[in-house]
């Protein structure tokens, strides 16, 4: 198989069928000012045109980091029973308004309200402050659809390097590396 996206879809489907809890959970790693690495878990919510998307508040710490340095990596890890990992690296970009709008409309209403209420990554005095903001936005949008805030949307990662790792006996794992060069994917087998 010379197309890493077909292989990704196959492995993702197998992780879902195996009953993985949130198989779309992935570690997003980026580099902030001062060349300090930072990681957090986000959820893959959309794949389109060979790009992998997650959604967030554009004022968040992760968004500011990704805007400053647009190179990042994702890491999916599915322990039992599939024993697999997929790592990908590439350039990150803001999703189109349409992709962000479409995904926002698909979210539960409570999550839509939460996008308005939470000043993500900012300090708050206490939990009650956040709950008060939720109540205010519930009242503001009562009886109507919740619009997507302009400061909330998606990021896509267009991978140029994807590694598929399959656990093997005696730590002799299988590592398949796909690298995009001049518009074409090449595949190599790496020693474990």
N, C-alpha and C. Protein backbone atom coordinates (compact mmCIF):
# COMPACT_ATOMS: atom_id res chain seq x y z
N UNK A 1 0.86 -1.19 0.00
CA UNK A 1 0.00 0.00 0.00
C UNK A 1 0.90 1.23 0.00
N UNK A 2 0.81 2.07 -1.02
CA UNK A 2 1.67 3.24 -1.12
C UNK A 2 0.97 4.54 -0.77
N UNK A 3 -0.28 4.46 -0.31
CA UNK A 3 -1.02 5.65 0.07
C UNK A 3 -1.24 5.63 1.58
N UNK A 4 -0.56 6.54 2.33
CA UNK A 4 -0.70 6.50 3.79
C UNK A 4 -2.10 6.84 4.27
N UNK A 5 -2.89 7.53 3.47
CA UNK A 5 -4.24 7.90 3.90
C UNK A 5 -5.17 6.69 3.89
N UNK A 6 -4.99 5.82 2.90
CA UNK A 6 -5.77 4.57 2.90
C UNK A 6 -5.40 3.71 4.10
N UNK A 7 -4.11 3.64 4.40
CA UNK A 7 -3.66 2.85 5.55
C UNK A 7 -4.16 3.48 6.85
N UNK A 8 -4.12 4.82 6.94
CA UNK A 8 -4.64 5.49 8.13
C UNK A 8 -6.11 5.13 8.33
N UNK A 9 -6.90 5.25 7.27
CA UNK A 9 -8.33 4.94 7.38
C UNK A 9 -8.57 3.49 7.79
N UNK A 10 -7.78 2.59 7.27
CA UNK A 10 -7.90 1.18 7.62
C UNK A 10 -7.58 0.96 9.11
N UNK A 11 -6.47 1.53 9.57
CA UNK A 11 -6.09 1.35 10.98
C UNK A 11 -7.08 2.05 11.91
N UNK A 12 -7.55 3.23 11.54
CA UNK A 12 -8.50 3.95 12.38
C UNK A 12 -9.79 3.14 12.51
N UNK A 13 -10.26 2.60 11.39
CA UNK A 13 -11.47 1.78 11.40
C UNK A 13 -11.28 0.55 12.28
N UNK A 14 -10.13 -0.09 12.20
CA UNK A 14 -9.85 -1.26 13.03
C UNK A 14 -9.79 -0.89 14.52
N UNK A 15 -9.26 0.30 14.84
CA UNK A 15 -9.24 0.74 16.23
C UNK A 15 -10.66 0.97 16.74
N UNK A 16 -11.50 1.56 15.91
CA UNK A 16 -12.92 1.75 16.29
C UNK A 16 -13.59 0.41 16.54
N UNK A 17 -13.43 -0.52 15.60
CA UNK A 17 -14.06 -1.83 15.72
C UNK A 17 -13.55 -2.61 16.94
N UNK A 18 -12.30 -2.35 17.33
CA UNK A 18 -11.71 -3.03 18.48
C UNK A 18 -12.20 -2.45 19.80
N UNK A 19 -13.01 -1.39 19.73
CA UNK A 19 -13.57 -0.81 20.93
C UNK A 19 -12.67 0.19 21.65
N UNK A 20 -11.71 0.76 20.92
CA UNK A 20 -10.86 1.77 21.54
C UNK A 20 -11.72 2.93 22.04
N UNK A 21 -11.43 3.41 23.24
CA UNK A 21 -12.13 4.58 23.77
C UNK A 21 -11.53 5.81 23.09
N UNK A 22 -12.39 6.56 22.42
CA UNK A 22 -11.97 7.75 21.68
C UNK A 22 -10.74 7.48 20.80
N UNK A 23 -10.91 6.65 19.78
CA UNK A 23 -9.77 6.38 18.90
C UNK A 23 -9.29 7.63 18.17
N UNK A 24 -10.11 8.69 18.18
CA UNK A 24 -9.72 9.94 17.52
C UNK A 24 -8.89 10.85 18.43
N UNK A 25 -8.60 10.41 19.67
CA UNK A 25 -7.75 11.19 20.57
C UNK A 25 -6.31 11.11 20.08
N UNK A 26 -5.67 12.26 19.99
CA UNK A 26 -4.29 12.31 19.51
C UNK A 26 -3.52 13.36 20.28
N UNK A 27 -2.24 13.13 20.45
CA UNK A 27 -1.37 14.12 21.08
C UNK A 27 -0.92 15.09 20.00
N UNK A 28 -1.16 16.36 20.24
CA UNK A 28 -0.70 17.44 19.37
C UNK A 28 0.55 18.03 20.02
N UNK A 29 1.65 18.02 19.31
CA UNK A 29 2.88 18.62 19.81
C UNK A 29 3.27 19.78 18.91
N UNK A 30 3.70 20.86 19.55
CA UNK A 30 4.12 22.05 18.82
C UNK A 30 5.26 22.69 19.61
N UNK A 31 5.77 23.80 19.08
CA UNK A 31 6.89 24.48 19.73
C UNK A 31 6.51 25.93 19.97
N UNK A 32 6.56 26.33 21.23
CA UNK A 32 6.22 27.72 21.58
C UNK A 32 7.47 28.60 21.56
N UNK A 33 7.30 29.85 21.93
CA UNK A 33 8.44 30.78 21.96
C UNK A 33 9.56 30.21 22.79
N UNK A 34 10.77 30.53 22.41
CA UNK A 34 11.93 30.03 23.13
C UNK A 34 12.24 28.57 22.82
N UNK A 35 11.65 28.06 21.73
CA UNK A 35 11.86 26.68 21.31
C UNK A 35 11.47 25.66 22.38
N UNK A 36 10.43 25.99 23.15
CA UNK A 36 9.95 25.07 24.19
C UNK A 36 8.85 24.19 23.62
N UNK A 37 9.06 22.87 23.64
CA UNK A 37 8.01 21.97 23.14
C UNK A 37 6.83 21.94 24.10
N UNK A 38 5.66 21.72 23.54
CA UNK A 38 4.44 21.62 24.34
C UNK A 38 3.51 20.61 23.67
N UNK A 39 2.82 19.82 24.49
CA UNK A 39 1.91 18.79 23.97
C UNK A 39 0.61 18.83 24.74
N UNK A 40 -0.45 18.38 24.08
CA UNK A 40 -1.76 18.23 24.70
C UNK A 40 -2.55 17.26 23.84
N UNK A 41 -3.60 16.68 24.43
CA UNK A 41 -4.46 15.76 23.70
C UNK A 41 -5.62 16.55 23.10
N UNK A 42 -5.85 16.35 21.81
CA UNK A 42 -6.98 16.94 21.11
C UNK A 42 -7.69 15.81 20.36
N UNK A 43 -8.83 16.11 19.78
CA UNK A 43 -9.60 15.09 19.08
C UNK A 43 -9.66 15.36 17.58
N UNK A 44 -9.31 14.35 16.80
CA UNK A 44 -9.46 14.43 15.35
C UNK A 44 -10.96 14.44 15.05
N UNK A 45 -11.41 15.46 14.32
CA UNK A 45 -12.84 15.58 14.05
C UNK A 45 -13.19 15.61 12.57
N UNK A 46 -12.19 15.74 11.71
CA UNK A 46 -12.50 15.88 10.29
C UNK A 46 -11.25 15.54 9.49
N UNK A 47 -11.44 14.87 8.36
CA UNK A 47 -10.36 14.63 7.40
C UNK A 47 -10.88 15.04 6.03
N UNK A 48 -10.12 15.88 5.36
CA UNK A 48 -10.52 16.34 4.02
C UNK A 48 -9.28 16.78 3.25
N UNK A 49 -9.22 16.44 1.98
CA UNK A 49 -8.12 16.85 1.11
C UNK A 49 -6.75 16.54 1.74
N UNK A 50 -6.64 15.35 2.28
CA UNK A 50 -5.40 14.87 2.88
C UNK A 50 -4.91 15.76 4.02
N UNK A 51 -5.85 16.32 4.76
CA UNK A 51 -5.52 17.10 5.95
C UNK A 51 -6.36 16.59 7.11
N UNK A 52 -5.79 16.63 8.30
CA UNK A 52 -6.41 16.14 9.53
C UNK A 52 -6.75 17.34 10.41
N UNK A 53 -8.02 17.42 10.86
CA UNK A 53 -8.51 18.63 11.54
C UNK A 53 -8.91 18.38 12.99
N UNK A 54 -8.61 19.37 13.83
CA UNK A 54 -9.17 19.46 15.18
C UNK A 54 -9.68 20.90 15.33
N UNK A 55 -10.46 21.14 16.39
CA UNK A 55 -11.12 22.44 16.55
C UNK A 55 -10.86 22.99 17.94
N UNK A 56 -10.78 24.32 18.03
CA UNK A 56 -10.41 24.95 19.29
C UNK A 56 -10.74 26.44 19.27
N UNK A 57 -10.48 27.10 20.38
CA UNK A 57 -10.58 28.55 20.50
C UNK A 57 -9.30 29.14 19.91
N UNK A 58 -9.43 30.05 18.96
CA UNK A 58 -8.25 30.64 18.32
C UNK A 58 -7.46 31.55 19.27
N UNK A 59 -8.03 31.89 20.43
CA UNK A 59 -7.31 32.69 21.42
C UNK A 59 -6.59 31.82 22.44
N UNK A 60 -6.70 30.51 22.30
CA UNK A 60 -6.09 29.59 23.26
C UNK A 60 -4.57 29.58 23.12
N UNK A 61 -3.92 29.04 24.13
CA UNK A 61 -2.47 28.92 24.11
C UNK A 61 -2.01 28.08 22.92
N UNK A 62 -2.70 26.97 22.66
CA UNK A 62 -2.27 26.11 21.54
C UNK A 62 -2.40 26.83 20.21
N UNK A 63 -3.47 27.63 20.04
CA UNK A 63 -3.66 28.36 18.79
C UNK A 63 -2.57 29.41 18.60
N UNK A 64 -2.23 30.11 19.66
CA UNK A 64 -1.17 31.12 19.56
C UNK A 64 0.16 30.46 19.20
N UNK A 65 0.41 29.29 19.80
CA UNK A 65 1.64 28.57 19.49
C UNK A 65 1.66 28.14 18.03
N UNK A 66 0.54 27.62 17.54
CA UNK A 66 0.48 27.14 16.15
C UNK A 66 0.52 28.28 15.14
N UNK A 67 0.09 29.45 15.53
CA UNK A 67 0.15 30.61 14.65
C UNK A 67 1.58 31.14 14.55
N UNK A 68 2.32 31.02 15.65
CA UNK A 68 3.71 31.48 15.69
C UNK A 68 4.63 30.53 14.93
N UNK A 69 4.46 29.22 15.16
CA UNK A 69 5.26 28.20 14.49
C UNK A 69 4.29 27.19 13.91
N UNK A 70 4.14 27.18 12.61
CA UNK A 70 3.08 26.40 11.96
C UNK A 70 3.43 24.93 11.75
N UNK A 71 4.56 24.46 12.26
CA UNK A 71 4.91 23.04 12.14
C UNK A 71 4.51 22.33 13.42
N UNK A 72 3.91 21.15 13.27
CA UNK A 72 3.43 20.42 14.43
C UNK A 72 3.41 18.92 14.12
N UNK A 73 3.07 18.14 15.14
CA UNK A 73 2.92 16.70 14.93
C UNK A 73 1.72 16.19 15.70
N UNK A 74 1.15 15.09 15.21
CA UNK A 74 0.07 14.36 15.86
C UNK A 74 0.59 12.97 16.17
N UNK A 75 0.10 12.40 17.26
CA UNK A 75 0.45 11.03 17.60
C UNK A 75 -0.81 10.32 18.11
N UNK A 76 -1.23 9.29 17.39
CA UNK A 76 -2.33 8.42 17.81
C UNK A 76 -1.70 7.19 18.44
N UNK A 77 -2.24 6.75 19.58
CA UNK A 77 -1.73 5.53 20.21
C UNK A 77 -2.91 4.68 20.64
N UNK A 78 -2.98 3.48 20.10
CA UNK A 78 -4.04 2.54 20.43
C UNK A 78 -3.39 1.32 21.06
N UNK A 79 -3.52 1.20 22.37
CA UNK A 79 -2.80 0.15 23.10
C UNK A 79 -3.43 -1.22 22.87
N UNK A 80 -4.53 -1.49 23.52
CA UNK A 80 -5.14 -2.83 23.45
C UNK A 80 -6.43 -2.77 22.66
N UNK A 81 -6.76 -3.70 21.87
CA UNK A 81 -5.98 -4.89 21.53
C UNK A 81 -5.13 -4.73 20.27
N UNK A 82 -5.11 -3.53 19.66
CA UNK A 82 -4.46 -3.41 18.35
C UNK A 82 -2.95 -3.14 18.41
N UNK A 83 -2.46 -2.55 19.51
CA UNK A 83 -1.02 -2.31 19.69
C UNK A 83 -0.42 -1.54 18.52
N UNK A 84 -0.98 -0.36 18.27
CA UNK A 84 -0.53 0.43 17.13
C UNK A 84 -0.35 1.90 17.51
N UNK A 85 0.45 2.55 16.69
CA UNK A 85 0.68 3.98 16.86
C UNK A 85 0.87 4.59 15.47
N UNK A 86 0.34 5.80 15.28
CA UNK A 86 0.58 6.55 14.05
C UNK A 86 1.10 7.92 14.44
N UNK A 87 2.25 8.26 13.90
CA UNK A 87 2.82 9.58 14.12
C UNK A 87 2.84 10.31 12.80
N UNK A 88 2.48 11.59 12.82
CA UNK A 88 2.53 12.38 11.59
C UNK A 88 3.04 13.78 11.89
N UNK A 89 3.76 14.32 10.94
CA UNK A 89 4.32 15.67 11.06
C UNK A 89 3.93 16.46 9.82
N UNK A 90 3.79 17.76 10.00
CA UNK A 90 3.49 18.60 8.86
C UNK A 90 3.19 20.03 9.26
N UNK A 91 2.72 20.78 8.29
CA UNK A 91 2.40 22.19 8.51
C UNK A 91 0.92 22.33 8.86
N UNK A 92 0.66 23.20 9.80
CA UNK A 92 -0.70 23.45 10.29
C UNK A 92 -1.22 24.74 9.68
N UNK A 93 -2.53 24.77 9.42
CA UNK A 93 -3.17 25.96 8.85
C UNK A 93 -4.58 26.07 9.42
N UNK A 94 -5.12 27.27 9.40
CA UNK A 94 -6.49 27.47 9.87
C UNK A 94 -7.47 26.87 8.86
N UNK A 95 -8.49 26.23 9.39
CA UNK A 95 -9.53 25.63 8.54
C UNK A 95 -10.35 26.73 7.88
N UNK A 96 -10.98 26.39 6.78
CA UNK A 96 -11.87 27.34 6.11
C UNK A 96 -13.06 27.65 7.01
N UNK A 97 -13.69 28.77 6.75
CA UNK A 97 -14.91 29.14 7.49
C UNK A 97 -15.97 28.04 7.35
N UNK A 98 -16.09 27.47 6.16
CA UNK A 98 -17.10 26.44 5.92
C UNK A 98 -16.84 25.20 6.78
N UNK A 99 -15.60 24.73 6.81
CA UNK A 99 -15.28 23.55 7.62
C UNK A 99 -15.55 23.85 9.09
N UNK A 100 -15.14 25.02 9.55
CA UNK A 100 -15.38 25.39 10.95
C UNK A 100 -16.87 25.52 11.26
N UNK A 101 -17.61 26.18 10.36
CA UNK A 101 -19.06 26.32 10.56
C UNK A 101 -19.76 24.96 10.57
N UNK A 102 -19.42 24.11 9.61
CA UNK A 102 -20.07 22.79 9.52
C UNK A 102 -19.82 21.98 10.78
N UNK A 103 -18.58 21.97 11.25
CA UNK A 103 -18.31 21.19 12.45
C UNK A 103 -19.00 21.81 13.68
N UNK A 104 -18.97 23.13 13.79
CA UNK A 104 -19.60 23.78 14.95
C UNK A 104 -21.08 23.43 15.02
N UNK A 105 -21.77 23.42 13.88
CA UNK A 105 -23.20 23.08 13.85
C UNK A 105 -23.45 21.63 14.28
N UNK A 106 -22.47 20.76 14.11
CA UNK A 106 -22.65 19.35 14.46
C UNK A 106 -22.46 19.09 15.96
N UNK A 107 -21.94 20.06 16.68
CA UNK A 107 -21.65 19.86 18.10
C UNK A 107 -22.93 19.94 18.93
N UNK A 108 -22.95 19.28 20.09
CA UNK A 108 -24.09 19.44 20.99
C UNK A 108 -24.23 20.90 21.42
N UNK A 109 -25.45 21.32 21.67
CA UNK A 109 -25.70 22.72 22.04
C UNK A 109 -24.86 23.16 23.25
N UNK A 110 -24.72 22.29 24.23
CA UNK A 110 -23.92 22.64 25.41
C UNK A 110 -22.47 22.95 25.05
N UNK A 111 -21.92 22.21 24.08
CA UNK A 111 -20.55 22.48 23.63
C UNK A 111 -20.48 23.77 22.84
N UNK A 112 -21.54 24.08 22.09
CA UNK A 112 -21.58 25.35 21.37
C UNK A 112 -21.59 26.52 22.35
N UNK A 113 -22.42 26.42 23.39
CA UNK A 113 -22.47 27.46 24.43
C UNK A 113 -21.11 27.57 25.12
N UNK A 114 -20.51 26.42 25.39
CA UNK A 114 -19.20 26.40 26.04
C UNK A 114 -18.13 27.13 25.24
N UNK A 115 -18.22 27.06 23.91
CA UNK A 115 -17.26 27.78 23.07
C UNK A 115 -17.36 29.29 23.28
N UNK A 116 -18.56 29.78 23.51
CA UNK A 116 -18.77 31.20 23.80
C UNK A 116 -18.34 31.53 25.23
N UNK A 117 -18.66 30.66 26.17
CA UNK A 117 -18.48 30.96 27.59
C UNK A 117 -17.04 30.86 28.08
N UNK A 118 -16.26 29.97 27.50
CA UNK A 118 -14.92 29.73 28.02
C UNK A 118 -13.86 30.61 27.35
N UNK A 119 -13.20 31.45 28.14
CA UNK A 119 -12.05 32.19 27.59
C UNK A 119 -10.83 31.28 27.66
N UNK A 120 -10.79 30.28 26.82
CA UNK A 120 -9.83 29.18 26.90
C UNK A 120 -8.40 29.66 27.12
N UNK A 121 -7.73 29.01 28.06
CA UNK A 121 -6.34 29.25 28.44
C UNK A 121 -6.14 30.52 29.26
N UNK A 122 -7.20 31.29 29.49
CA UNK A 122 -7.08 32.50 30.31
C UNK A 122 -7.38 32.16 31.77
N UNK A 123 -6.77 32.90 32.69
CA UNK A 123 -7.03 32.68 34.11
C UNK A 123 -8.44 33.14 34.45
N UNK A 124 -9.11 32.36 35.30
CA UNK A 124 -10.42 32.75 35.81
C UNK A 124 -10.36 32.69 37.33
N UNK A 125 -11.24 33.44 37.98
CA UNK A 125 -11.24 33.51 39.44
C UNK A 125 -11.67 32.19 40.08
N UNK A 126 -12.74 31.60 39.52
CA UNK A 126 -13.28 30.37 40.11
C UNK A 126 -14.23 29.71 39.12
N UNK A 127 -14.69 28.54 39.47
CA UNK A 127 -15.60 27.79 38.61
C UNK A 127 -16.93 28.52 38.42
N UNK A 128 -17.38 29.22 39.45
CA UNK A 128 -18.65 29.95 39.39
C UNK A 128 -18.63 31.02 38.30
N UNK A 129 -17.47 31.63 38.08
CA UNK A 129 -17.35 32.63 37.01
C UNK A 129 -17.68 31.99 35.66
N UNK A 130 -17.15 30.79 35.43
CA UNK A 130 -17.41 30.09 34.17
C UNK A 130 -18.88 29.69 34.07
N UNK A 131 -19.44 29.19 35.15
CA UNK A 131 -20.85 28.79 35.15
C UNK A 131 -21.77 29.99 34.91
N UNK A 132 -21.41 31.15 35.45
CA UNK A 132 -22.18 32.39 35.23
C UNK A 132 -22.15 32.76 33.75
N UNK A 133 -20.99 32.63 33.13
CA UNK A 133 -20.87 32.94 31.70
C UNK A 133 -21.72 31.98 30.88
N UNK A 134 -21.73 30.70 31.24
CA UNK A 134 -22.56 29.73 30.54
C UNK A 134 -24.02 30.14 30.63
N UNK A 135 -24.49 30.50 31.83
CA UNK A 135 -25.89 30.90 32.01
C UNK A 135 -26.22 32.14 31.17
N UNK A 136 -25.29 33.08 31.10
CA UNK A 136 -25.52 34.30 30.31
C UNK A 136 -25.68 33.98 28.82
N UNK A 137 -24.83 33.10 28.30
CA UNK A 137 -24.92 32.75 26.88
C UNK A 137 -26.12 31.86 26.60
N UNK A 138 -26.49 31.00 27.54
CA UNK A 138 -27.72 30.22 27.35
C UNK A 138 -28.93 31.15 27.22
N UNK A 139 -28.94 32.18 28.02
CA UNK A 139 -30.04 33.16 27.95
C UNK A 139 -29.98 33.94 26.64
N UNK A 140 -28.77 34.36 26.24
CA UNK A 140 -28.61 35.15 25.01
C UNK A 140 -29.08 34.37 23.79
N UNK A 141 -28.82 33.07 23.75
CA UNK A 141 -29.15 32.27 22.57
C UNK A 141 -30.41 31.43 22.75
N UNK A 142 -31.17 31.70 23.78
CA UNK A 142 -32.39 30.94 24.05
C UNK A 142 -33.34 31.01 22.85
N UNK A 143 -33.82 29.85 22.42
CA UNK A 143 -34.80 29.80 21.35
C UNK A 143 -34.24 29.98 19.95
N UNK A 144 -32.93 30.00 19.80
CA UNK A 144 -32.35 30.15 18.46
C UNK A 144 -31.04 29.37 18.37
N UNK A 145 -30.59 29.17 17.13
CA UNK A 145 -29.34 28.47 16.91
C UNK A 145 -28.17 29.27 17.48
N UNK A 146 -27.17 28.56 17.95
CA UNK A 146 -25.97 29.20 18.48
C UNK A 146 -24.99 29.39 17.32
N UNK A 147 -24.62 30.64 17.01
CA UNK A 147 -23.66 30.85 15.92
C UNK A 147 -22.24 30.53 16.38
N UNK A 148 -21.39 30.22 15.44
CA UNK A 148 -19.99 29.97 15.77
C UNK A 148 -19.29 31.29 16.07
N UNK A 149 -18.61 31.37 17.22
CA UNK A 149 -17.83 32.59 17.49
C UNK A 149 -16.70 32.72 16.47
N UNK A 150 -16.38 33.91 16.07
CA UNK A 150 -15.31 34.12 15.09
C UNK A 150 -13.94 33.70 15.64
N UNK A 151 -13.82 33.63 16.97
CA UNK A 151 -12.55 33.24 17.58
C UNK A 151 -12.47 31.73 17.82
N UNK A 152 -13.35 30.97 17.20
CA UNK A 152 -13.38 29.52 17.38
C UNK A 152 -13.42 28.85 16.01
N UNK A 153 -12.60 27.83 15.83
CA UNK A 153 -12.62 27.12 14.55
C UNK A 153 -11.59 26.02 14.51
N UNK A 154 -11.29 25.58 13.31
CA UNK A 154 -10.43 24.43 13.14
C UNK A 154 -9.03 24.77 12.70
N UNK A 155 -8.16 23.81 12.94
CA UNK A 155 -6.83 23.79 12.37
C UNK A 155 -6.69 22.47 11.63
N UNK A 156 -6.03 22.52 10.50
CA UNK A 156 -5.72 21.31 9.76
C UNK A 156 -4.22 21.08 9.75
N UNK A 157 -3.83 19.82 9.74
CA UNK A 157 -2.42 19.48 9.58
C UNK A 157 -2.29 18.72 8.27
N UNK A 158 -1.48 19.25 7.38
CA UNK A 158 -1.21 18.58 6.11
C UNK A 158 0.13 17.87 6.27
N UNK A 159 0.05 16.57 6.49
CA UNK A 159 1.24 15.79 6.81
C UNK A 159 2.15 15.62 5.60
N UNK A 160 3.46 15.66 5.88
CA UNK A 160 4.45 15.32 4.86
C UNK A 160 5.33 14.16 5.33
N UNK A 161 4.99 13.64 6.52
CA UNK A 161 5.72 12.52 7.10
C UNK A 161 4.75 11.77 8.00
N UNK A 162 4.53 10.48 7.73
CA UNK A 162 3.61 9.67 8.53
C UNK A 162 4.27 8.32 8.80
N UNK A 163 4.34 7.97 10.08
CA UNK A 163 4.91 6.67 10.46
C UNK A 163 3.84 5.80 11.11
N UNK A 164 3.76 4.56 10.63
CA UNK A 164 2.84 3.56 11.18
C UNK A 164 3.67 2.54 11.96
N UNK A 165 3.35 2.40 13.24
CA UNK A 165 4.09 1.52 14.14
C UNK A 165 3.17 0.40 14.60
N UNK A 166 3.61 -0.83 14.42
CA UNK A 166 2.84 -2.01 14.87
C UNK A 166 3.73 -2.79 15.83
N UNK A 167 3.22 -3.02 17.05
CA UNK A 167 3.99 -3.75 18.05
C UNK A 167 4.29 -5.17 17.56
N UNK A 168 5.51 -5.62 17.83
CA UNK A 168 5.91 -6.97 17.46
C UNK A 168 6.48 -7.71 18.65
N UNK A 169 6.60 -9.02 18.53
CA UNK A 169 7.17 -9.84 19.59
C UNK A 169 8.63 -9.46 19.82
N UNK A 170 9.08 -9.60 21.07
CA UNK A 170 10.48 -9.33 21.46
C UNK A 170 10.92 -7.92 21.06
N UNK A 171 9.96 -7.00 21.05
CA UNK A 171 10.20 -5.60 20.70
C UNK A 171 10.71 -5.42 19.27
N UNK A 172 10.44 -6.39 18.42
CA UNK A 172 10.78 -6.28 17.00
C UNK A 172 9.56 -5.72 16.27
N UNK A 173 9.30 -4.45 16.51
CA UNK A 173 8.14 -3.77 15.96
C UNK A 173 8.30 -3.52 14.47
N UNK A 174 7.18 -3.34 13.79
CA UNK A 174 7.19 -2.96 12.38
C UNK A 174 6.95 -1.46 12.29
N UNK A 175 7.84 -0.76 11.59
CA UNK A 175 7.73 0.69 11.42
C UNK A 175 7.76 1.02 9.94
N UNK A 176 6.63 1.53 9.43
CA UNK A 176 6.52 1.93 8.02
C UNK A 176 6.48 3.44 7.97
N UNK A 177 7.43 4.03 7.27
CA UNK A 177 7.53 5.48 7.17
C UNK A 177 7.17 5.93 5.76
N UNK A 178 6.22 6.87 5.67
CA UNK A 178 5.83 7.48 4.39
C UNK A 178 6.30 8.94 4.43
N UNK A 179 7.00 9.35 3.39
CA UNK A 179 7.50 10.73 3.29
C UNK A 179 7.02 11.31 1.97
N UNK A 180 6.48 12.51 2.03
CA UNK A 180 6.00 13.21 0.84
C UNK A 180 7.12 14.08 0.30
N UNK A 181 7.48 13.84 -0.96
CA UNK A 181 8.52 14.65 -1.60
C UNK A 181 8.12 14.89 -3.05
N UNK A 182 8.10 16.15 -3.44
CA UNK A 182 7.73 16.55 -4.80
C UNK A 182 6.36 15.99 -5.20
N UNK A 183 5.43 15.99 -4.25
CA UNK A 183 4.06 15.57 -4.53
C UNK A 183 3.83 14.07 -4.55
N UNK A 184 4.85 13.29 -4.21
CA UNK A 184 4.72 11.83 -4.23
C UNK A 184 5.15 11.24 -2.89
N UNK A 185 4.43 10.20 -2.47
CA UNK A 185 4.76 9.51 -1.23
C UNK A 185 5.72 8.37 -1.52
N UNK A 186 6.77 8.28 -0.69
CA UNK A 186 7.68 7.14 -0.75
C UNK A 186 7.56 6.39 0.58
N UNK A 187 7.73 5.09 0.54
CA UNK A 187 7.60 4.27 1.74
C UNK A 187 8.93 3.60 2.04
N UNK A 188 9.29 3.59 3.33
CA UNK A 188 10.49 2.91 3.80
C UNK A 188 10.12 2.08 5.02
N UNK A 189 10.88 1.05 5.26
CA UNK A 189 10.75 0.24 6.45
C UNK A 189 11.88 0.63 7.39
N UNK A 190 11.55 0.96 8.65
CA UNK A 190 12.56 1.38 9.62
C UNK A 190 12.83 0.27 10.62
N UNK A 191 14.05 0.15 11.07
CA UNK A 191 14.37 -0.80 12.12
C UNK A 191 13.70 -0.35 13.42
N UNK A 192 13.27 -1.31 14.24
CA UNK A 192 12.59 -0.93 15.48
C UNK A 192 13.56 -0.31 16.48
